Amino acid sequence: MRQTCLDLVYELAKQDPRIFFVGSDLGYGTLKQFKQEMPGRFFMEGVCEANIIGMAAGLAIEGKIVYVNTIATFLTRRCFEQIVLDLCLHHVKVRLIGNGGGLVYAPLGPTHLAIEDVAILRSLPNMTIIAPADANEMRRLMPLTVDHDGPLYIRLAKGGDPIVSRGDFSVQIGKAVPMVEGSHALILTTGVTLKIGLEAAENLNRQGIQAAVLHLPTIKPLDTEAILQRVSKVDAVVTVEEHTIVGGLGSAVAELIAEADLAGHRGFKRVGIPDIFPDEYGSQDSLMTRCKITAEGVVCVVQELLSKPRRSVAATHRSHTD
């Protein structure tokens, strides 16, 4: 996924002279062809990410389309004020490519884990957030980022992720992708958790539980119509994300359901990283397993939600007023 994204920046830049690339100390070989063929539009700056956001904003104000690439934690934590004031306030066309969203950098410990990047950027007006599931979905989404209005964050996984996205469905920024239909439970995924959601739905189906899977490659803005349409048909809703459960996809969906008055008799649960700093070093998979961000973990949550007796909103209201 990561290499596909950078390759596409190069390919798109060859077709569009407005496209510039700005990196932050990413290594000599990064986008070597871009640097050789279009040196006037290629900048590799040092370890000063706040500066490159201002630099990208200045280029964008002059009509350029700028792709900025560095580690996700550096982009979102170090550059927050610059992203707010230079990018979002001015609504400029800068595309932030965040390497290692979630638990990718597990061997480096909590300082490098981008577990709150979506929450940070979801709070900002004018910011769009996309998290493709695999290289194929990245390949289909990247051309759409060129003329997208305003700043945009592209959350990258580690690369080499299995291909699980659908190629027969139109991909649009801001639109959900229905993967599996079902009438008992709804599993909402984003980024690489699509694979987990699909495996969980397959397992549940073998048990006679029909679980729908709705994939959200765009986290902001949410495809509210697609989500609410499916929520209204099921008894349990589960969100799955490689992100803290605070402020990410699960929070966004919970807010949507609550404001639409659809909570009612439905069970709801966020599967993700608890409100902690992960305190173990290891692999991405090992930390995902520890946080129960797995197909087995999702299956257990769905089973638990469906096993609980539900009361209607009217009945609950009567019990409180009697």
C-alpha atoms as a PDB file:
ATOM      1  CA  MET A   1       0.000   0.000   0.000  1.00  0.00           C
ATOM      2  CA  ARG A   2       2.744   2.464   0.967  1.00  0.00           C
ATOM      3  CA  GLN A   3       4.784   1.946  -2.191  1.00  0.00           C
ATOM      4  CA  THR A   4       1.645   2.040  -4.324  1.00  0.00           C
ATOM      5  CA  CYS A   5       0.734   5.411  -2.839  1.00  0.00           C
ATOM      6  CA  LEU A   6       4.155   6.935  -3.556  1.00  0.00           C
ATOM      7  CA  ASP A   7       4.308   5.402  -7.025  1.00  0.00           C
ATOM      8  CA  LEU A   8       0.982   7.033  -7.801  1.00  0.00           C
ATOM      9  CA  VAL A   9       2.179  10.429  -6.583  1.00  0.00           C
ATOM     10  CA  TYR A  10       4.967  10.115  -9.155  1.00  0.00           C
ATOM     11  CA  GLU A  11       2.614   8.945 -11.927  1.00  0.00           C
ATOM     12  CA  LEU A  12       0.092  11.673 -11.201  1.00  0.00           C
ATOM     13  CA  ALA A  13       2.826  14.323 -11.104  1.00  0.00           C
ATOM     14  CA  LYS A  14       3.998  13.300 -14.579  1.00  0.00           C
ATOM     15  CA  GLN A  15       0.495  14.066 -15.843  1.00  0.00           C
ATOM     16  CA  ASP A  16      -0.157  17.211 -13.814  1.00  0.00           C
ATOM     17  CA  PRO A  17       2.435  20.007 -13.437  1.00  0.00           C
ATOM     18  CA  ARG A  18       0.576  21.375 -10.401  1.00  0.00           C
ATOM     19  CA  ILE A  19       1.649  18.414  -8.260  1.00  0.00           C
ATOM     20  CA  PHE A  20       4.587  18.863  -5.854  1.00  0.00           C
ATOM     21  CA  PHE A  21       6.075  16.422  -3.352  1.00  0.00           C
ATOM     22  CA  VAL A  22       7.513  17.355   0.051  1.00  0.00           C
ATOM     23  CA  GLY A  23       9.078  14.720   2.304  1.00  0.00           C
ATOM     24  CA  SER A  24      10.644  14.784   5.735  1.00  0.00           C
ATOM     25  CA  ASP A  25      13.980  12.948   5.898  1.00  0.00           C
ATOM     26  CA  LEU A  26      12.555   9.819   4.250  1.00  0.00           C
ATOM     27  CA  GLY A  27      15.752   8.356   2.867  1.00  0.00           C
ATOM     28  CA  TYR A  28      17.794   8.883  -0.263  1.00  0.00           C
ATOM     29  CA  GLY A  29      15.910   6.460  -2.505  1.00  0.00           C
ATOM     30  CA  THR A  30      12.378   7.716  -1.831  1.00  0.00           C
ATOM     31  CA  LEU A  31      10.746   8.732  -5.111  1.00  0.00           C
ATOM     32  CA  LYS A  32      14.119   8.759  -6.841  1.00  0.00           C
ATOM     33  CA  GLN A  33      12.567   8.974 -10.316  1.00  0.00           C
ATOM     34  CA  PHE A  34      10.406  11.916  -9.260  1.00  0.00           C
ATOM     35  CA  LYS A  35      13.511  13.754  -8.047  1.00  0.00           C
ATOM     36  CA  GLN A  36      15.466  12.997 -11.226  1.00  0.00           C
ATOM     37  CA  GLU A  37      12.708  13.842 -13.707  1.00  0.00           C
ATOM     38  CA  MET A  38      10.960  16.699 -11.899  1.00  0.00           C
ATOM     39  CA  PRO A  39      13.566  18.204  -9.539  1.00  0.00           C
ATOM     40  CA  GLY A  40      11.817  21.558  -9.356  1.00  0.00           C
ATOM     41  CA  ARG A  41       8.764  19.907  -7.811  1.00  0.00           C
ATOM     42  CA  PHE A  42      10.540  17.582  -5.380  1.00  0.00           C
ATOM     43  CA  PHE A  43      11.659  18.659  -1.896  1.00  0.00           C
ATOM     44  CA  MET A  44      13.184  16.462   0.813  1.00  0.00           C
ATOM     45  CA  GLU A  45      13.397  18.572   3.937  1.00  0.00           C
ATOM     46  CA  GLY A  46      15.020  17.726   7.264  1.00  0.00           C
ATOM     47  CA  VAL A  47      13.410  16.675  10.518  1.00  0.00           C
ATOM     48  CA  CYS A  48      11.284  19.782  10.932  1.00  0.00           C
ATOM     49  CA  GLU A  49       7.759  18.717  10.092  1.00  0.00           C
ATOM     50  CA  ALA A  50       6.050  21.916  11.251  1.00  0.00           C
ATOM     51  CA  ASN A  51       8.132  23.815   8.718  1.00  0.00           C
ATOM     52  CA  ILE A  52       7.181  21.563   5.815  1.00  0.00           C
ATOM     53  CA  ILE A  53       3.477  22.057   6.559  1.00  0.00           C
ATOM     54  CA  GLY A  54       3.960  25.810   6.249  1.00  0.00           C
ATOM     55  CA  MET A  55       6.001  25.294   3.109  1.00  0.00           C
ATOM     56  CA  ALA A  56       3.288  23.067   1.599  1.00  0.00           C
ATOM     57  CA  ALA A  57       0.597  25.581   2.519  1.00  0.00           C
ATOM     58  CA  GLY A  58       2.500  28.374   0.764  1.00  0.00           C
ATOM     59  CA  LEU A  59       2.821  26.298  -2.414  1.00  0.00           C
ATOM     60  CA  ALA A  60      -0.878  25.380  -2.275  1.00  0.00           C
ATOM     61  CA  ILE A  61      -1.931  29.010  -1.844  1.00  0.00           C
ATOM     62  CA  GLU A  62      -0.048  29.673  -5.092  1.00  0.00           C
ATOM     63  CA  GLY A  63      -2.175  27.060  -6.876  1.00  0.00           C
ATOM     64  CA  LYS A  64      -0.043  23.939  -6.416  1.00  0.00           C
ATOM     65  CA  ILE A  65      -1.298  20.549  -5.226  1.00  0.00           C
ATOM     66  CA  VAL A  66       1.124  19.315  -2.586  1.00  0.00           C
ATOM     67  CA  TYR A  67       1.647  15.763  -1.285  1.00  0.00           C
ATOM     68  CA  VAL A  68       3.484  15.712   2.059  1.00  0.00           C
ATOM     69  CA  ASN A  69       4.859  12.404   3.299  1.00  0.00           C
ATOM     70  CA  THR A  70       6.329  11.384   6.651  1.00  0.00           C
ATOM     71  CA  ILE A  71       5.604   9.210   9.686  1.00  0.00           C
ATOM     72  CA  ALA A  72       1.995   9.596  10.847  1.00  0.00           C
ATOM     73  CA  THR A  73       2.852  10.535  14.432  1.00  0.00           C
ATOM     74  CA  PHE A  74       5.151  13.311  13.247  1.00  0.00           C
ATOM     75  CA  LEU A  75       2.461  14.723  10.971  1.00  0.00           C
ATOM     76  CA  THR A  76      -0.382  14.726  13.460  1.00  0.00           C
ATOM     77  CA  ARG A  77       1.303  15.388  16.803  1.00  0.00           C
ATOM     78  CA  ARG A  78       4.155  17.739  15.901  1.00  0.00           C
ATOM     79  CA  CYS A  79       2.272  19.729  13.288  1.00  0.00           C
ATOM     80  CA  PHE A  80      -1.152  20.186  14.844  1.00  0.00           C
ATOM     81  CA  GLU A  81      -1.115  23.986  15.002  1.00  0.00           C
ATOM     82  CA  GLN A  82       0.267  24.289  11.474  1.00  0.00           C
ATOM     83  CA  ILE A  83      -2.341  21.875  10.119  1.00  0.00           C
ATOM     84  CA  VAL A  84      -5.102  23.859  11.831  1.00  0.00           C
ATOM     85  CA  LEU A  85      -3.973  27.345  10.827  1.00  0.00           C
ATOM     86  CA  ASP A  86      -2.055  26.837   7.585  1.00  0.00           C
ATOM     87  CA  LEU A  87      -4.064  24.050   5.968  1.00  0.00           C
ATOM     88  CA  CYS A  88      -7.586  23.776   7.361  1.00  0.00           C
ATOM     89  CA  LEU A  89      -8.263  27.444   8.025  1.00  0.00           C
ATOM     90  CA  HIS A  90      -7.146  28.352   4.511  1.00  0.00           C
ATOM     91  CA  HIS A  91      -8.787  25.268   2.953  1.00  0.00           C
ATOM     92  CA  VAL A  92      -5.774  24.522   0.754  1.00  0.00           C
ATOM     93  CA  LYS A  93      -5.024  21.492  -1.414  1.00  0.00           C
ATOM     94  CA  VAL A  94      -2.377  19.734   0.646  1.00  0.00           C
ATOM     95  CA  ARG A  95      -2.458  15.929   0.941  1.00  0.00           C
ATOM     96  CA  LEU A  96      -0.868  14.546   4.103  1.00  0.00           C
ATOM     97  CA  ILE A  97       0.436  10.989   3.612  1.00  0.00           C
ATOM     98  CA  GLY A  98       0.879   9.449   7.067  1.00  0.00           C
ATOM     99  CA  ASN A  99       3.190   6.429   7.163  1.00  0.00           C
ATOM    100  CA  GLY A 100       2.360   3.784   9.744  1.00  0.00           C
ATOM    101  CA  GLY A 101      -1.165   4.553  10.896  1.00  0.00           C
ATOM    102  CA  GLY A 102      -2.179   2.566  13.965  1.00  0.00           C
ATOM    103  CA  LEU A 103       0.189  -0.081  15.338  1.00  0.00           C
ATOM    104  CA  VAL A 104       2.526  -0.436  12.351  1.00  0.00           C
ATOM    105  CA  TYR A 105       5.589   0.790  14.242  1.00  0.00           C
ATOM    106  CA  ALA A 106       5.032  -1.594  17.148  1.00  0.00           C
ATOM    107  CA  PRO A 107       8.762  -2.495  17.362  1.00  0.00           C
ATOM    108  CA  LEU A 108       9.530   1.169  18.193  1.00  0.00           C
ATOM    109  CA  GLY A 109       7.103   1.475  21.089  1.00  0.00           C
ATOM    110  CA  PRO A 110       4.384   3.975  22.059  1.00  0.00           C
ATOM    111  CA  THR A 111       6.206   7.083  20.830  1.00  0.00           C
ATOM    112  CA  HIS A 112       5.771   5.942  17.228  1.00  0.00           C
ATOM    113  CA  LEU A 113       2.274   4.448  17.414  1.00  0.00           C
ATOM    114  CA  ALA A 114      -0.248   6.619  15.554  1.00  0.00           C
ATOM    115  CA  ILE A 115      -3.217   5.462  17.589  1.00  0.00           C
ATOM    116  CA  GLU A 116      -4.935   8.857  17.824  1.00  0.00           C
ATOM    117  CA  ASP A 117      -4.225  10.410  14.427  1.00  0.00           C
ATOM    118  CA  VAL A 118      -7.807  10.081  13.181  1.00  0.00           C
ATOM    119  CA  ALA A 119      -9.204  11.581  16.401  1.00  0.00           C
ATOM    120  CA  ILE A 120      -6.822  14.538  16.139  1.00  0.00           C
ATOM    121  CA  LEU A 121      -7.673  15.335  12.524  1.00  0.00           C
ATOM    122  CA  ARG A 122     -11.378  14.426  12.662  1.00  0.00           C
ATOM    123  CA  SER A 123     -11.890  17.392  14.968  1.00  0.00           C
ATOM    124  CA  LEU A 124     -10.710  19.877  12.342  1.00  0.00           C
ATOM    125  CA  PRO A 125     -13.084  21.675   9.970  1.00  0.00           C
ATOM    126  CA  ASN A 126     -12.341  21.189   6.246  1.00  0.00           C
ATOM    127  CA  MET A 127     -10.192  18.070   6.835  1.00  0.00           C
ATOM    128  CA  THR A 128     -10.935  14.880   4.884  1.00  0.00           C
ATOM    129  CA  ILE A 129      -9.580  11.530   6.118  1.00  0.00           C
ATOM    130  CA  ILE A 130      -9.164   8.387   4.029  1.00  0.00           C
ATOM    131  CA  ALA A 131      -7.824   4.985   5.081  1.00  0.00           C
ATOM    132  CA  PRO A 132      -7.683   2.470   2.197  1.00  0.00           C
ATOM    133  CA  ALA A 133      -7.799  -1.244   2.969  1.00  0.00           C
ATOM    134  CA  ASP A 134      -5.083  -2.363   0.560  1.00  0.00           C
ATOM    135  CA  ALA A 135      -2.974  -1.434  -2.449  1.00  0.00           C
ATOM    136  CA  ASN A 136      -5.839  -1.900  -4.917  1.00  0.00           C
ATOM    137  CA  GLU A 137      -8.128   0.458  -3.064  1.00  0.00           C
ATOM    138  CA  MET A 138      -5.251   2.911  -2.757  1.00  0.00           C
ATOM    139  CA  ARG A 139      -4.731   2.699  -6.507  1.00  0.00           C
ATOM    140  CA  ARG A 140      -8.371   3.603  -7.114  1.00  0.00           C
ATOM    141  CA  LEU A 141      -8.561   6.383  -4.536  1.00  0.00           C
ATOM    142  CA  MET A 142      -5.331   8.282  -5.239  1.00  0.00           C
ATOM    143  CA  PRO A 143      -6.395   9.863  -8.559  1.00  0.00           C
ATOM    144  CA  LEU A 144      -9.450  11.242  -6.748  1.00  0.00           C
ATOM    145  CA  THR A 145      -7.236  13.107  -4.277  1.00  0.00           C
ATOM    146  CA  VAL A 146      -5.724  15.400  -6.921  1.00  0.00           C
ATOM    147  CA  ASP A 147      -8.641  17.777  -7.349  1.00  0.00           C
ATOM    148  CA  HIS A 148     -10.324  17.111  -4.017  1.00  0.00           C
ATOM    149  CA  ASP A 149     -11.316  20.410  -2.412  1.00  0.00           C
ATOM    150  CA  GLY A 150      -9.308  21.238   0.714  1.00  0.00           C
ATOM    151  CA  PRO A 151      -6.750  19.356   2.846  1.00  0.00           C
ATOM    152  CA  LEU A 152      -6.773  15.579   3.017  1.00  0.00           C
ATOM    153  CA  TYR A 153      -5.104  12.951   5.231  1.00  0.00           C
ATOM    154  CA  ILE A 154      -4.151   9.579   3.709  1.00  0.00           C
ATOM    155  CA  ARG A 155      -3.586   6.939   6.401  1.00  0.00           C
ATOM    156  CA  LEU A 156      -1.104   4.312   5.262  1.00  0.00           C
ATOM    157  CA  ALA A 157      -0.629   0.793   6.570  1.00  0.00           C
ATOM    158  CA  LYS A 158       2.755  -0.937   6.493  1.00  0.00           C
ATOM    159  CA  GLY A 159       2.512  -2.404   2.997  1.00  0.00           C
ATOM    160  CA  GLY A 160       2.177  -5.981   1.853  1.00  0.00           C
ATOM    161  CA  ASP A 161      -1.366  -6.149   3.170  1.00  0.00           C
ATOM    162  CA  PRO A 162      -3.597  -8.807   1.544  1.00  0.00           C
ATOM    163  CA  ILE A 163      -5.963  -7.612  -1.183  1.00  0.00           C
ATOM    164  CA  VAL A 164      -9.510  -7.769   0.168  1.00  0.00           C
ATOM    165  CA  SER A 165     -11.208  -4.710  -1.357  1.00  0.00           C
ATOM    166  CA  ARG A 166     -13.800  -4.932  -4.112  1.00  0.00           C
ATOM    167  CA  GLY A 167     -12.930  -3.970  -7.640  1.00  0.00           C
ATOM    168  CA  ASP A 168     -16.494  -4.123  -8.938  1.00  0.00           C
ATOM    169  CA  PHE A 169     -17.777  -1.206  -6.872  1.00  0.00           C
ATOM    170  CA  SER A 170     -17.370   2.472  -7.644  1.00  0.00           C
ATOM    171  CA  VAL A 171     -14.943   4.129  -5.208  1.00  0.00           C
ATOM    172  CA  GLN A 172     -15.578   7.729  -4.228  1.00  0.00           C
ATOM    173  CA  ILE A 173     -14.191   9.890  -1.466  1.00  0.00           C
ATOM    174  CA  GLY A 174     -16.930  10.165   1.139  1.00  0.00           C
ATOM    175  CA  LYS A 175     -18.731   6.977   0.109  1.00  0.00           C
ATOM    176  CA  ALA A 176     -18.937   3.643   1.919  1.00  0.00           C
ATOM    177  CA  VAL A 177     -18.381   0.317   0.171  1.00  0.00           C
ATOM    178  CA  PRO A 178     -20.932  -2.433   0.947  1.00  0.00           C
ATOM    179  CA  MET A 179     -19.000  -5.695   1.149  1.00  0.00           C
ATOM    180  CA  VAL A 180     -21.509  -8.136   2.659  1.00  0.00           C
ATOM    181  CA  GLU A 181     -25.217  -7.740   3.377  1.00  0.00           C
ATOM    182  CA  GLY A 182     -26.838  -9.157   6.506  1.00  0.00           C
ATOM    183  CA  SER A 183     -29.882  -8.675   8.738  1.00  0.00           C
ATOM    184  CA  HIS A 184     -28.641  -9.556  12.238  1.00  0.00           C
ATOM    185  CA  ALA A 185     -25.517  -7.471  12.800  1.00  0.00           C
ATOM    186  CA  LEU A 186     -23.537  -4.711  11.112  1.00  0.00           C
ATOM    187  CA  ILE A 187     -19.733  -4.618  11.142  1.00  0.00           C
ATOM    188  CA  LEU A 188     -18.210  -1.281  10.133  1.00  0.00           C
ATOM    189  CA  THR A 189     -14.550  -1.269   9.109  1.00  0.00           C
ATOM    190  CA  THR A 190     -11.896   1.131   7.879  1.00  0.00           C
ATOM    191  CA  GLY A 191      -8.362   0.666   6.593  1.00  0.00           C
ATOM    192  CA  VAL A 192      -6.824  -2.766   7.117  1.00  0.00           C
ATOM    193  CA  THR A 193      -9.588  -3.841   9.497  1.00  0.00           C
ATOM    194  CA  LEU A 194     -11.681  -4.705   6.432  1.00  0.00           C
ATOM    195  CA  LYS A 195      -9.947  -8.089   6.355  1.00  0.00           C
ATOM    196  CA  ILE A 196     -10.871  -8.661  10.006  1.00  0.00           C
ATOM    197  CA  GLY A 197     -14.491  -7.695   9.386  1.00  0.00           C
ATOM    198  CA  LEU A 198     -14.830 -10.023   6.410  1.00  0.00           C
ATOM    199  CA  GLU A 199     -13.341 -12.960   8.301  1.00  0.00           C
ATOM    200  CA  ALA A 200     -15.628 -12.280  11.258  1.00  0.00           C
ATOM    201  CA  ALA A 201     -18.718 -12.118   9.033  1.00  0.00           C
ATOM    202  CA  GLU A 202     -17.793 -15.412   7.390  1.00  0.00           C
ATOM    203  CA  ASN A 203     -17.378 -17.060  10.784  1.00  0.00           C
ATOM    204  CA  LEU A 204     -20.690 -15.667  12.045  1.00  0.00           C
ATOM    205  CA  ASN A 205     -22.492 -16.778   8.896  1.00  0.00           C
ATOM    206  CA  ARG A 206     -21.428 -20.359   9.589  1.00  0.00           C
ATOM    207  CA  GLN A 207     -23.163 -20.002  12.956  1.00  0.00           C
ATOM    208  CA  GLY A 208     -26.363 -18.750  11.339  1.00  0.00           C
ATOM    209  CA  ILE A 209     -25.748 -15.100  12.182  1.00  0.00           C
ATOM    210  CA  GLN A 210     -26.070 -12.880   9.123  1.00  0.00           C
ATOM    211  CA  ALA A 211     -23.553 -10.063   9.562  1.00  0.00           C
ATOM    212  CA  ALA A 212     -23.290  -7.199   7.109  1.00  0.00           C
ATOM    213  CA  VAL A 213     -19.899  -5.602   6.466  1.00  0.00           C
ATOM    214  CA  LEU A 214     -19.799  -1.953   5.448  1.00  0.00           C
ATOM    215  CA  HIS A 215     -16.312  -0.666   4.650  1.00  0.00           C
ATOM    216  CA  LEU A 216     -15.489   3.010   5.185  1.00  0.00           C
ATOM    217  CA  PRO A 217     -12.327   4.007   3.308  1.00  0.00           C
ATOM    218  CA  THR A 218     -13.383   7.591   4.075  1.00  0.00           C
ATOM    219  CA  ILE A 219     -13.649   8.275   7.803  1.00  0.00           C
ATOM    220  CA  LYS A 220     -14.440  11.955   7.359  1.00  0.00           C
ATOM    221  CA  PRO A 221     -16.861  12.819   5.926  1.00  0.00           C
ATOM    222  CA  LEU A 222     -18.833   9.696   6.830  1.00  0.00           C
ATOM    223  CA  ASP A 223     -21.325   8.206   4.421  1.00  0.00           C
ATOM    224  CA  THR A 224     -24.161   8.794   6.874  1.00  0.00           C
ATOM    225  CA  GLU A 225     -26.897   7.586   4.537  1.00  0.00           C
ATOM    226  CA  ALA A 226     -25.278   4.193   3.926  1.00  0.00           C
ATOM    227  CA  ILE A 227     -24.563   3.697   7.635  1.00  0.00           C
ATOM    228  CA  LEU A 228     -28.008   4.661   8.939  1.00  0.00           C
ATOM    229  CA  GLN A 229     -29.759   2.621   6.271  1.00  0.00           C
ATOM    230  CA  ARG A 230     -28.029  -0.536   7.493  1.00  0.00           C
ATOM    231  CA  VAL A 231     -28.129   0.283  11.197  1.00  0.00           C
ATOM    232  CA  SER A 232     -31.915   0.463  11.002  1.00  0.00           C
ATOM    233  CA  LYS A 233     -32.085  -3.188   9.866  1.00  0.00           C
ATOM    234  CA  VAL A 234     -29.941  -4.914  12.505  1.00  0.00           C
ATOM    235  CA  ASP A 235     -29.860  -5.647  16.243  1.00  0.00           C
ATOM    236  CA  ALA A 236     -26.121  -5.191  16.796  1.00  0.00           C
ATOM    237  CA  VAL A 237     -23.570  -2.710  15.459  1.00  0.00           C
ATOM    238  CA  VAL A 238     -19.790  -3.134  15.837  1.00  0.00           C
ATOM    239  CA  THR A 239     -17.063  -0.792  14.609  1.00  0.00           C
ATOM    240  CA  VAL A 240     -13.542  -2.125  14.038  1.00  0.00           C
ATOM    241  CA  GLU A 241     -10.514   0.150  13.823  1.00  0.00           C
ATOM    242  CA  GLU A 242      -6.750   0.099  14.361  1.00  0.00           C
ATOM    243  CA  HIS A 243      -7.043   3.235  16.476  1.00  0.00           C
ATOM    244  CA  THR A 244      -7.996   4.255  19.972  1.00  0.00           C
ATOM    245  CA  ILE A 245     -11.701   3.821  20.631  1.00  0.00           C
ATOM    246  CA  VAL A 246     -11.740   7.486  21.704  1.00  0.00           C
ATOM    247  CA  GLY A 247     -12.515   9.879  18.869  1.00  0.00           C
ATOM    248  CA  GLY A 248     -12.080   7.584  15.869  1.00  0.00           C
ATOM    249  CA  LEU A 249     -14.453   5.648  13.639  1.00  0.00           C
ATOM    250  CA  GLY A 250     -16.371   4.144  16.556  1.00  0.00           C
ATOM    251  CA  SER A 251     -16.957   7.522  18.137  1.00  0.00           C
ATOM    252  CA  ALA A 252     -18.077   9.009  14.819  1.00  0.00           C
ATOM    253  CA  VAL A 253     -20.584   6.186  14.243  1.00  0.00           C
ATOM    254  CA  ALA A 254     -21.851   6.349  17.844  1.00  0.00           C
ATOM    255  CA  GLU A 255     -22.474  10.083  17.485  1.00  0.00           C
ATOM    256  CA  LEU A 256     -24.327   9.492  14.235  1.00  0.00           C
ATOM    257  CA  ILE A 257     -26.541   6.731  15.643  1.00  0.00           C
ATOM    258  CA  ALA A 258     -27.343   8.693  18.800  1.00  0.00           C
ATOM    259  CA  GLU A 259     -28.299  11.854  16.941  1.00  0.00           C
ATOM    260  CA  ALA A 260     -30.494   9.851  14.558  1.00  0.00           C
ATOM    261  CA  ASP A 261     -32.321   8.317  17.553  1.00  0.00           C
ATOM    262  CA  LEU A 262     -31.426   4.824  16.374  1.00  0.00           C
ATOM    263  CA  ALA A 263     -29.669   3.586  19.521  1.00  0.00           C
ATOM    264  CA  GLY A 264     -32.877   2.186  21.003  1.00  0.00           C
ATOM    265  CA  HIS A 265     -32.862  -1.598  21.216  1.00  0.00           C
ATOM    266  CA  ARG A 266     -29.583  -2.036  19.353  1.00  0.00           C
ATOM    267  CA  GLY A 267     -26.385  -3.247  20.905  1.00  0.00           C
ATOM    268  CA  PHE A 268     -23.325  -1.190  20.037  1.00  0.00           C
ATOM    269  CA  LYS A 269     -19.619  -1.799  20.654  1.00  0.00           C
ATOM    270  CA  ARG A 270     -16.336  -0.258  19.515  1.00  0.00           C
ATOM    271  CA  VAL A 271     -13.513  -2.691  18.796  1.00  0.00           C
ATOM    272  CA  GLY A 272     -10.183  -0.912  18.846  1.00  0.00           C
ATOM    273  CA  ILE A 273      -7.316   0.129  21.083  1.00  0.00           C
ATOM    274  CA  PRO A 274      -8.451   0.846  24.654  1.00  0.00           C
ATOM    275  CA  ASP A 275      -7.839   4.260  26.194  1.00  0.00           C
ATOM    276  CA  ILE A 276      -4.231   3.425  27.082  1.00  0.00           C
ATOM    277  CA  PHE A 277      -0.711   3.820  25.752  1.00  0.00           C
ATOM    278  CA  PRO A 278       0.168   0.334  24.456  1.00  0.00           C
ATOM    279  CA  ASP A 279       2.999  -0.676  26.770  1.00  0.00           C
ATOM    280  CA  GLU A 280       4.440  -3.636  24.890  1.00  0.00           C
ATOM    281  CA  TYR A 281       6.951  -3.799  22.065  1.00  0.00           C
ATOM    282  CA  GLY A 282       6.423  -6.447  19.415  1.00  0.00           C
ATOM    283  CA  SER A 283       4.770  -6.737  16.036  1.00  0.00           C
ATOM    284  CA  GLN A 284       1.692  -5.068  14.659  1.00  0.00           C
ATOM    285  CA  ASP A 285      -0.108  -8.415  14.731  1.00  0.00           C
ATOM    286  CA  SER A 286       0.876  -9.133  18.331  1.00  0.00           C
ATOM    287  CA  LEU A 287      -0.470  -5.788  19.539  1.00  0.00           C
ATOM    288  CA  MET A 288      -3.629  -6.183  17.464  1.00  0.00           C
ATOM    289  CA  THR A 289      -4.186  -9.568  19.094  1.00  0.00           C
ATOM    290  CA  ARG A 290      -3.552  -8.140  22.555  1.00  0.00           C
ATOM    291  CA  CYS A 291      -6.183  -5.460  21.917  1.00  0.00           C
ATOM    292  CA  LYS A 292      -8.557  -8.129  20.498  1.00  0.00           C
ATOM    293  CA  ILE A 293      -8.679  -6.364  17.140  1.00  0.00           C
ATOM    294  CA  THR A 294      -9.095  -9.716  15.439  1.00  0.00           C
ATOM    295  CA  ALA A 295     -11.801 -11.655  13.627  1.00  0.00           C
ATOM    296  CA  GLU A 296     -12.260 -13.825  16.717  1.00  0.00           C
ATOM    297  CA  GLY A 297     -12.580 -10.732  18.882  1.00  0.00           C
ATOM    298  CA  VAL A 298     -15.260  -9.256  16.625  1.00  0.00           C
ATOM    299  CA  VAL A 299     -17.181 -12.541  16.545  1.00  0.00           C
ATOM    300  CA  CYS A 300     -17.254 -12.643  20.351  1.00  0.00           C
ATOM    301  CA  VAL A 301     -18.486  -9.051  20.550  1.00  0.00           C
ATOM    302  CA  VAL A 302     -21.292  -9.673  18.036  1.00  0.00           C
ATOM    303  CA  GLN A 303     -22.364 -12.834  19.848  1.00  0.00           C
ATOM    304  CA  GLU A 304     -22.382 -11.002  23.178  1.00  0.00           C
ATOM    305  CA  LEU A 305     -24.446  -8.110  21.842  1.00  0.00           C
ATOM    306  CA  LEU A 306     -27.010 -10.394  20.217  1.00  0.00           C
ATOM    307  CA  SER A 307     -27.347 -12.523  23.359  1.00  0.00           C
ATOM    308  CA  LYS A 308     -28.385  -9.592  25.546  1.00  0.00           C
ATOM    309  CA  PRO A 309     -32.125  -8.946  25.915  1.00  0.00           C
ATOM    310  CA  ARG A 310     -33.145  -5.583  24.492  1.00  0.00           C
ATOM    311  CA  ARG A 311     -35.926  -3.305  25.603  1.00  0.00           C
ATOM    312  CA  SER A 312     -37.664  -0.796  23.387  1.00  0.00           C
ATOM    313  CA  VAL A 313     -37.101   2.907  23.925  1.00  0.00           C
ATOM    314  CA  ALA A 314     -40.768   3.319  24.991  1.00  0.00           C
ATOM    315  CA  ALA A 315     -40.491   0.527  27.579  1.00  0.00           C
ATOM    316  CA  THR A 316     -37.311   2.002  28.995  1.00  0.00           C
ATOM    317  CA  HIS A 317     -38.973   5.402  29.284  1.00  0.00           C
ATOM    318  CA  ARG A 318     -41.970   3.914  31.123  1.00  0.00           C
ATOM    319  CA  SER A 319     -39.733   2.132  33.632  1.00  0.00           C
ATOM    320  CA  HIS A 320     -37.994   5.408  34.454  1.00  0.00           C
ATOM    321  CA  THR A 321     -41.238   7.335  34.964  1.00  0.00           C
ATOM    322  CA  ASP A 322     -43.275   4.716  36.869  1.00  0.00           C
END
